[in-house]
Amino acid sequence: MTYLQYIASFQWLFLVGSILVLTSYIFSELRTTRKFAVFVLFTGALLQNLFLIQADPFLGYWDEEFHALVAKNMLQKPFYP
């Protein structure tokens, strides 16, 4: 699987999130369902952020492993990372 195929498999997250964010604007203009508009906006933003997290396949594992190794070494030698 290439990187573009990987991104395309999560593209629906961004599209649905964008539609929800735009829909929340319509609901907020109706002024009768403000709480629902905030909920829709929150859900849309969450889906867009999930897409951005999935867009970088190396961020999750490699980054966390590196920071865990630095923290382990800092426990042994506090001021020498």
PDB file of N, CA and C in Angstrom:
ATOM      1  N   MET A   1       0.850  -1.174   0.000  1.00  0.00           N
ATOM      2  CA  MET A   1       0.000   0.000   0.000  1.00  0.00           C
ATOM      3  C   MET A   1       0.898   1.240   0.000  1.00  0.00           C
ATOM      4  N   THR A   2       0.664   2.117  -0.949  1.00  0.00           N
ATOM      5  CA  THR A   2       1.450   3.338  -1.021  1.00  0.00           C
ATOM      6  C   THR A   2       0.886   4.367  -0.048  1.00  0.00           C
ATOM      7  N   TYR A   3       1.634   5.437   0.115  1.00  0.00           N
ATOM      8  CA  TYR A   3       1.222   6.486   1.044  1.00  0.00           C
ATOM      9  C   TYR A   3      -0.079   7.149   0.596  1.00  0.00           C
ATOM     10  N   LEU A   4      -0.236   7.362  -0.715  1.00  0.00           N
ATOM     11  CA  LEU A   4      -1.457   7.997  -1.215  1.00  0.00           C
ATOM     12  C   LEU A   4      -2.677   7.101  -1.020  1.00  0.00           C
ATOM     13  N   GLN A   5      -2.506   5.799  -1.163  1.00  0.00           N
ATOM     14  CA  GLN A   5      -3.613   4.881  -0.894  1.00  0.00           C
ATOM     15  C   GLN A   5      -3.948   4.875   0.590  1.00  0.00           C
ATOM     16  N   TYR A   6      -2.921   4.994   1.415  1.00  0.00           N
ATOM     17  CA  TYR A   6      -3.136   5.045   2.862  1.00  0.00           C
ATOM     18  C   TYR A   6      -3.936   6.285   3.249  1.00  0.00           C
ATOM     19  N   ILE A   7      -3.574   7.425   2.681  1.00  0.00           N
ATOM     20  CA  ILE A   7      -4.294   8.672   2.969  1.00  0.00           C
ATOM     21  C   ILE A   7      -5.712   8.607   2.422  1.00  0.00           C
ATOM     22  N   ALA A   8      -5.886   8.032   1.248  1.00  0.00           N
ATOM     23  CA  ALA A   8      -7.214   7.948   0.641  1.00  0.00           C
ATOM     24  C   ALA A   8      -8.162   7.092   1.470  1.00  0.00           C
ATOM     25  N   SER A   9      -7.630   6.141   2.217  1.00  0.00           N
ATOM     26  CA  SER A   9      -8.503   5.300   3.031  1.00  0.00           C
ATOM     27  C   SER A   9      -9.071   6.060   4.227  1.00  0.00           C
ATOM     28  N   PHE A  10      -8.458   7.168   4.614  1.00  0.00           N
ATOM     29  CA  PHE A  10      -8.954   7.980   5.726  1.00  0.00           C
ATOM     30  C   PHE A  10      -9.539   9.307   5.263  1.00  0.00           C
ATOM     31  N   GLN A  11      -9.670   9.484   3.970  1.00  0.00           N
ATOM     32  CA  GLN A  11     -10.152  10.744   3.421  1.00  0.00           C
ATOM     33  C   GLN A  11     -11.594  11.041   3.844  1.00  0.00           C
ATOM     34  N   TRP A  12     -12.375  10.014   4.086  1.00  0.00           N
ATOM     35  CA  TRP A  12     -13.765  10.218   4.486  1.00  0.00           C
ATOM     36  C   TRP A  12     -13.869  10.953   5.811  1.00  0.00           C
ATOM     37  N   LEU A  13     -12.859  10.774   6.698  1.00  0.00           N
ATOM     38  CA  LEU A  13     -12.880  11.489   7.975  1.00  0.00           C
ATOM     39  C   LEU A  13     -12.871  12.998   7.755  1.00  0.00           C
ATOM     40  N   PHE A  14     -12.015  13.445   6.859  1.00  0.00           N
ATOM     41  CA  PHE A  14     -11.902  14.876   6.598  1.00  0.00           C
ATOM     42  C   PHE A  14     -13.147  15.413   5.906  1.00  0.00           C
ATOM     43  N   LEU A  15     -13.681  14.653   4.960  1.00  0.00           N
ATOM     44  CA  LEU A  15     -14.863  15.113   4.234  1.00  0.00           C
ATOM     45  C   LEU A  15     -16.085  15.202   5.145  1.00  0.00           C
ATOM     46  N   VAL A  16     -16.313  14.177   5.943  1.00  0.00           N
ATOM     47  CA  VAL A  16     -17.453  14.200   6.855  1.00  0.00           C
ATOM     48  C   VAL A  16     -17.264  15.295   7.909  1.00  0.00           C
ATOM     49  N   GLY A  17     -16.039  15.455   8.398  1.00  0.00           N
ATOM     50  CA  GLY A  17     -15.760  16.511   9.371  1.00  0.00           C
ATOM     51  C   GLY A  17     -16.019  17.893   8.804  1.00  0.00           C
ATOM     52  N   SER A  18     -15.619  18.100   7.560  1.00  0.00           N
ATOM     53  CA  SER A  18     -15.851  19.406   6.924  1.00  0.00           C
ATOM     54  C   SER A  18     -17.335  19.673   6.731  1.00  0.00           C
ATOM     55  N   ILE A  19     -18.075  18.660   6.328  1.00  0.00           N
ATOM     56  CA  ILE A  19     -19.517  18.824   6.158  1.00  0.00           C
ATOM     57  C   ILE A  19     -20.171  19.148   7.500  1.00  0.00           C
ATOM     58  N   LEU A  20     -19.746  18.485   8.563  1.00  0.00           N
ATOM     59  CA  LEU A  20     -20.324  18.762   9.880  1.00  0.00           C
ATOM     60  C   LEU A  20     -19.991  20.170  10.369  1.00  0.00           C
ATOM     61  N   VAL A  21     -18.769  20.626  10.109  1.00  0.00           N
ATOM     62  CA  VAL A  21     -18.393  21.983  10.522  1.00  0.00           C
ATOM     63  C   VAL A  21     -19.240  23.013   9.774  1.00  0.00           C
ATOM     64  N   LEU A  22     -19.432  22.815   8.488  1.00  0.00           N
ATOM     65  CA  LEU A  22     -20.261  23.753   7.717  1.00  0.00           C
ATOM     66  C   LEU A  22     -21.727  23.667   8.142  1.00  0.00           C
ATOM     67  N   THR A  23     -22.195  22.480   8.470  1.00  0.00           N
ATOM     68  CA  THR A  23     -23.573  22.316   8.925  1.00  0.00           C
ATOM     69  C   THR A  23     -23.790  23.003  10.270  1.00  0.00           C
ATOM     70  N   SER A  24     -22.786  22.980  11.114  1.00  0.00           N
ATOM     71  CA  SER A  24     -22.937  23.643  12.416  1.00  0.00           C
ATOM     72  C   SER A  24     -23.138  25.144  12.254  1.00  0.00           C
ATOM     73  N   TYR A  25     -22.559  25.717  11.218  1.00  0.00           N
ATOM     74  CA  TYR A  25     -22.784  27.137  10.957  1.00  0.00           C
ATOM     75  C   TYR A  25     -24.254  27.400  10.629  1.00  0.00           C
ATOM     76  N   ILE A  26     -24.847  26.520   9.838  1.00  0.00           N
ATOM     77  CA  ILE A  26     -26.259  26.670   9.499  1.00  0.00           C
ATOM     78  C   ILE A  26     -27.120  26.552  10.752  1.00  0.00           C
ATOM     79  N   PHE A  27     -26.800  25.562  11.600  1.00  0.00           N
ATOM     80  CA  PHE A  27     -27.572  25.395  12.829  1.00  0.00           C
ATOM     81  C   PHE A  27     -27.404  26.584  13.773  1.00  0.00           C
ATOM     82  N   SER A  28     -26.227  27.175  13.793  1.00  0.00           N
ATOM     83  CA  SER A  28     -26.020  28.318  14.686  1.00  0.00           C
ATOM     84  C   SER A  28     -26.779  29.548  14.191  1.00  0.00           C
ATOM     85  N   GLU A  29     -26.986  29.661  12.889  1.00  0.00           N
ATOM     86  CA  GLU A  29     -27.740  30.786  12.351  1.00  0.00           C
ATOM     87  C   GLU A  29     -29.241  30.654  12.608  1.00  0.00           C
ATOM     88  N   LEU A  30     -29.710  29.441  12.830  1.00  0.00           N
ATOM     89  CA  LEU A  30     -31.127  29.259  13.128  1.00  0.00           C
ATOM     90  C   LEU A  30     -31.471  29.766  14.524  1.00  0.00           C
ATOM     91  N   ARG A  31     -30.487  29.825  15.391  1.00  0.00           N
ATOM     92  CA  ARG A  31     -30.599  30.366  16.751  1.00  0.00           C
ATOM     93  C   ARG A  31     -31.588  29.619  17.650  1.00  0.00           C
ATOM     94  N   THR A  32     -32.057  28.489  17.209  1.00  0.00           N
ATOM     95  CA  THR A  32     -32.947  27.707  18.067  1.00  0.00           C
ATOM     96  C   THR A  32     -32.234  26.493  18.649  1.00  0.00           C
ATOM     97  N   THR A  33     -31.180  26.066  18.017  1.00  0.00           N
ATOM     98  CA  THR A  33     -30.495  24.852  18.463  1.00  0.00           C
ATOM     99  C   THR A  33     -29.005  25.124  18.649  1.00  0.00           C
ATOM    100  N   ARG A  34     -28.663  26.032  19.521  1.00  0.00           N
ATOM    101  CA  ARG A  34     -27.262  26.368  19.744  1.00  0.00           C
ATOM    102  C   ARG A  34     -26.462  25.190  20.306  1.00  0.00           C
ATOM    103  N   LYS A  35     -27.053  24.463  21.241  1.00  0.00           N
ATOM    104  CA  LYS A  35     -26.331  23.341  21.838  1.00  0.00           C
ATOM    105  C   LYS A  35     -26.054  22.263  20.801  1.00  0.00           C
ATOM    106  N   PHE A  36     -27.011  22.025  19.937  1.00  0.00           N
ATOM    107  CA  PHE A  36     -26.815  21.040  18.887  1.00  0.00           C
ATOM    108  C   PHE A  36     -25.755  21.509  17.899  1.00  0.00           C
ATOM    109  N   ALA A  37     -25.725  22.810  17.605  1.00  0.00           N
ATOM    110  CA  ALA A  37     -24.720  23.357  16.695  1.00  0.00           C
ATOM    111  C   ALA A  37     -23.318  23.197  17.273  1.00  0.00           C
ATOM    112  N   VAL A  38     -23.171  23.407  18.570  1.00  0.00           N
ATOM    113  CA  VAL A  38     -21.863  23.236  19.212  1.00  0.00           C
ATOM    114  C   VAL A  38     -21.448  21.765  19.186  1.00  0.00           C
ATOM    115  N   PHE A  39     -22.401  20.877  19.413  1.00  0.00           N
ATOM    116  CA  PHE A  39     -22.113  19.447  19.363  1.00  0.00           C
ATOM    117  C   PHE A  39     -21.672  19.019  17.966  1.00  0.00           C
ATOM    118  N   VAL A  40     -22.366  19.499  16.940  1.00  0.00           N
ATOM    119  CA  VAL A  40     -22.007  19.168  15.557  1.00  0.00           C
ATOM    120  C   VAL A  40     -20.635  19.748  15.219  1.00  0.00           C
ATOM    121  N   LEU A  41     -20.359  20.967  15.658  1.00  0.00           N
ATOM    122  CA  LEU A  41     -19.052  21.589  15.420  1.00  0.00           C
ATOM    123  C   LEU A  41     -17.948  20.795  16.100  1.00  0.00           C
ATOM    124  N   PHE A  42     -18.172  20.379  17.340  1.00  0.00           N
ATOM    125  CA  PHE A  42     -17.181  19.592  18.064  1.00  0.00           C
ATOM    126  C   PHE A  42     -16.914  18.263  17.369  1.00  0.00           C
ATOM    127  N   THR A  43     -17.981  17.599  16.929  1.00  0.00           N
ATOM    128  CA  THR A  43     -17.826  16.313  16.245  1.00  0.00           C
ATOM    129  C   THR A  43     -17.076  16.473  14.926  1.00  0.00           C
ATOM    130  N   GLY A  44     -17.382  17.511  14.173  1.00  0.00           N
ATOM    131  CA  GLY A  44     -16.686  17.755  12.913  1.00  0.00           C
ATOM    132  C   GLY A  44     -15.208  18.056  13.111  1.00  0.00           C
ATOM    133  N   ALA A  45     -14.907  18.861  14.117  1.00  0.00           N
ATOM    134  CA  ALA A  45     -13.506  19.174  14.401  1.00  0.00           C
ATOM    135  C   ALA A  45     -12.754  17.935  14.875  1.00  0.00           C
ATOM    136  N   LEU A  46     -13.415  17.086  15.650  1.00  0.00           N
ATOM    137  CA  LEU A  46     -12.792  15.849  16.101  1.00  0.00           C
ATOM    138  C   LEU A  46     -12.476  14.935  14.926  1.00  0.00           C
ATOM    139  N   LEU A  47     -13.394  14.800  13.985  1.00  0.00           N
ATOM    140  CA  LEU A  47     -13.139  13.964  12.816  1.00  0.00           C
ATOM    141  C   LEU A  47     -12.009  14.520  11.956  1.00  0.00           C
ATOM    142  N   GLN A  48     -11.942  15.840  11.807  1.00  0.00           N
ATOM    143  CA  GLN A  48     -10.845  16.420  11.040  1.00  0.00           C
ATOM    144  C   GLN A  48      -9.506  16.196  11.732  1.00  0.00           C
ATOM    145  N   ASN A  49      -9.480  16.298  13.048  1.00  0.00           N
ATOM    146  CA  ASN A  49      -8.240  16.044  13.773  1.00  0.00           C
ATOM    147  C   ASN A  49      -7.838  14.579  13.711  1.00  0.00           C
ATOM    148  N   LEU A  50      -8.791  13.673  13.732  1.00  0.00           N
ATOM    149  CA  LEU A  50      -8.470  12.259  13.570  1.00  0.00           C
ATOM    150  C   LEU A  50      -7.844  11.995  12.208  1.00  0.00           C
ATOM    151  N   PHE A  51      -8.333  12.688  11.183  1.00  0.00           N
ATOM    152  CA  PHE A  51      -7.717  12.544   9.866  1.00  0.00           C
ATOM    153  C   PHE A  51      -6.274  13.028   9.879  1.00  0.00           C
ATOM    154  N   LEU A  52      -6.028  14.163  10.513  1.00  0.00           N
ATOM    155  CA  LEU A  52      -4.670  14.701  10.549  1.00  0.00           C
ATOM    156  C   LEU A  52      -3.728  13.789  11.341  1.00  0.00           C
ATOM    157  N   ILE A  53      -4.251  13.146  12.384  1.00  0.00           N
ATOM    158  CA  ILE A  53      -3.428  12.207  13.138  1.00  0.00           C
ATOM    159  C   ILE A  53      -3.077  11.006  12.272  1.00  0.00           C
ATOM    160  N   GLN A  54      -4.049  10.511  11.528  1.00  0.00           N
ATOM    161  CA  GLN A  54      -3.816   9.343  10.680  1.00  0.00           C
ATOM    162  C   GLN A  54      -2.968   9.680   9.452  1.00  0.00           C
ATOM    163  N   ALA A  55      -2.873  10.949   9.078  1.00  0.00           N
ATOM    164  CA  ALA A  55      -2.142  11.340   7.878  1.00  0.00           C
ATOM    165  C   ALA A  55      -0.642  11.151   8.020  1.00  0.00           C
ATOM    166  N   ASP A  56      -0.140  11.119   9.237  1.00  0.00           N
ATOM    167  CA  ASP A  56       1.297  10.934   9.457  1.00  0.00           C
ATOM    168  C   ASP A  56       1.518   9.575  10.108  1.00  0.00           C
ATOM    169  N   PRO A  57       1.828   8.549   9.301  1.00  0.00           N
ATOM    170  CA  PRO A  57       1.932   7.201   9.856  1.00  0.00           C
ATOM    171  C   PRO A  57       3.139   6.999  10.768  1.00  0.00           C
ATOM    172  N   PHE A  58       4.131   7.861  10.712  1.00  0.00           N
ATOM    173  CA  PHE A  58       5.329   7.678  11.521  1.00  0.00           C
ATOM    174  C   PHE A  58       5.274   8.415  12.849  1.00  0.00           C
ATOM    175  N   LEU A  59       4.303   9.281  13.021  1.00  0.00           N
ATOM    176  CA  LEU A  59       4.237  10.094  14.223  1.00  0.00           C
ATOM    177  C   LEU A  59       3.943   9.263  15.461  1.00  0.00           C
ATOM    178  N   GLY A  60       2.978   8.376  15.373  1.00  0.00           N
ATOM    179  CA  GLY A  60       2.509   7.644  16.540  1.00  0.00           C
ATOM    180  C   GLY A  60       3.560   6.790  17.213  1.00  0.00           C
ATOM    181  N   TYR A  61       4.081   5.810  16.515  1.00  0.00           N
ATOM    182  CA  TYR A  61       4.969   4.840  17.143  1.00  0.00           C
ATOM    183  C   TYR A  61       6.384   5.382  17.327  1.00  0.00           C
ATOM    184  N   TRP A  62       6.974   5.909  16.261  1.00  0.00           N
ATOM    185  CA  TRP A  62       8.366   6.301  16.326  1.00  0.00           C
ATOM    186  C   TRP A  62       8.568   7.442  17.309  1.00  0.00           C
ATOM    187  N   ASP A  63       7.706   8.426  17.276  1.00  0.00           N
ATOM    188  CA  ASP A  63       7.846   9.589  18.131  1.00  0.00           C
ATOM    189  C   ASP A  63       7.714   9.203  19.598  1.00  0.00           C
ATOM    190  N   GLU A  64       6.741   8.377  19.911  1.00  0.00           N
ATOM    191  CA  GLU A  64       6.533   7.976  21.303  1.00  0.00           C
ATOM    192  C   GLU A  64       7.673   7.087  21.800  1.00  0.00           C
ATOM    193  N   GLU A  65       8.188   6.216  20.950  1.00  0.00           N
ATOM    194  CA  GLU A  65       9.312   5.371  21.352  1.00  0.00           C
ATOM    195  C   GLU A  65      10.550   6.222  21.638  1.00  0.00           C
ATOM    196  N   PHE A  66      10.778   7.234  20.820  1.00  0.00           N
ATOM    197  CA  PHE A  66      11.933   8.107  21.020  1.00  0.00           C
ATOM    198  C   PHE A  66      11.821   8.876  22.333  1.00  0.00           C
ATOM    199  N   HIS A  67      10.634   9.415  22.613  1.00  0.00           N
ATOM    200  CA  HIS A  67      10.462  10.166  23.851  1.00  0.00           C
ATOM    201  C   HIS A  67      10.540   9.259  25.081  1.00  0.00           C
ATOM    202  N   ALA A  68      10.070   8.038  24.959  1.00  0.00           N
ATOM    203  CA  ALA A  68      10.179   7.093  26.078  1.00  0.00           C
ATOM    204  C   ALA A  68      11.639   6.750  26.345  1.00  0.00           C
ATOM    205  N   LEU A  69      12.435   6.603  25.298  1.00  0.00           N
ATOM    206  CA  LEU A  69      13.863   6.313  25.477  1.00  0.00           C
ATOM    207  C   LEU A  69      14.578   7.485  26.138  1.00  0.00           C
ATOM    208  N   VAL A  70      14.252   8.706  25.730  1.00  0.00           N
ATOM    209  CA  VAL A  70      14.860   9.879  26.350  1.00  0.00           C
ATOM    210  C   VAL A  70      14.465   9.973  27.817  1.00  0.00           C
ATOM    211  N   ALA A  71      13.202   9.698  28.135  1.00  0.00           N
ATOM    212  CA  ALA A  71      12.755   9.745  29.528  1.00  0.00           C
ATOM    213  C   ALA A  71      13.448   8.686  30.365  1.00  0.00           C
ATOM    214  N   LYS A  72      13.659   7.505  29.811  1.00  0.00           N
ATOM    215  CA  LYS A  72      14.355   6.433  30.532  1.00  0.00           C
ATOM    216  C   LYS A  72      15.798   6.843  30.827  1.00  0.00           C
ATOM    217  N   ASN A  73      16.458   7.431  29.841  1.00  0.00           N
ATOM    218  CA  ASN A  73      17.836   7.873  30.044  1.00  0.00           C
ATOM    219  C   ASN A  73      17.924   9.043  31.014  1.00  0.00           C
ATOM    220  N   MET A  74      16.895   9.902  31.014  1.00  0.00           N
ATOM    221  CA  MET A  74      16.892  11.032  31.946  1.00  0.00           C
ATOM    222  C   MET A  74      16.734  10.572  33.393  1.00  0.00           C
ATOM    223  N   LEU A  75      16.103   9.426  33.602  1.00  0.00           N
ATOM    224  CA  LEU A  75      15.989   8.882  34.947  1.00  0.00           C
ATOM    225  C   LEU A  75      17.342   8.432  35.481  1.00  0.00           C
ATOM    226  N   GLN A  76      18.181   7.926  34.592  1.00  0.00           N
ATOM    227  CA  GLN A  76      19.498   7.447  35.010  1.00  0.00           C
ATOM    228  C   GLN A  76      20.493   8.596  35.143  1.00  0.00           C
ATOM    229  N   LYS A  77      20.488   9.510  34.188  1.00  0.00           N
ATOM    230  CA  LYS A  77      21.386  10.663  34.198  1.00  0.00           C
ATOM    231  C   LYS A  77      20.533  11.908  33.969  1.00  0.00           C
ATOM    232  N   PRO A  78      20.102  12.581  35.045  1.00  0.00           N
ATOM    233  CA  PRO A  78      19.081  13.627  34.936  1.00  0.00           C
ATOM    234  C   PRO A  78      19.388  14.773  33.988  1.00  0.00           C
ATOM    235  N   PHE A  79      20.606  15.272  33.907  1.00  0.00           N
ATOM    236  CA  PHE A  79      20.870  16.441  33.100  1.00  0.00           C
ATOM    237  C   PHE A  79      21.693  16.112  31.861  1.00  0.00           C
ATOM    238  N   TYR A  80      21.604  14.865  31.403  1.00  0.00           N
ATOM    239  CA  TYR A  80      22.321  14.438  30.224  1.00  0.00           C
ATOM    240  C   TYR A  80      21.386  13.563  29.374  1.00  0.00           C
ATOM    241  N   PRO A  81      20.663  14.164  28.428  1.00  0.00           N
ATOM    242  CA  PRO A  81      19.678  13.380  27.674  1.00  0.00           C
ATOM    243  C   PRO A  81      20.380  12.442  26.712  1.00  0.00           C
TER     244      PRO A  81
END
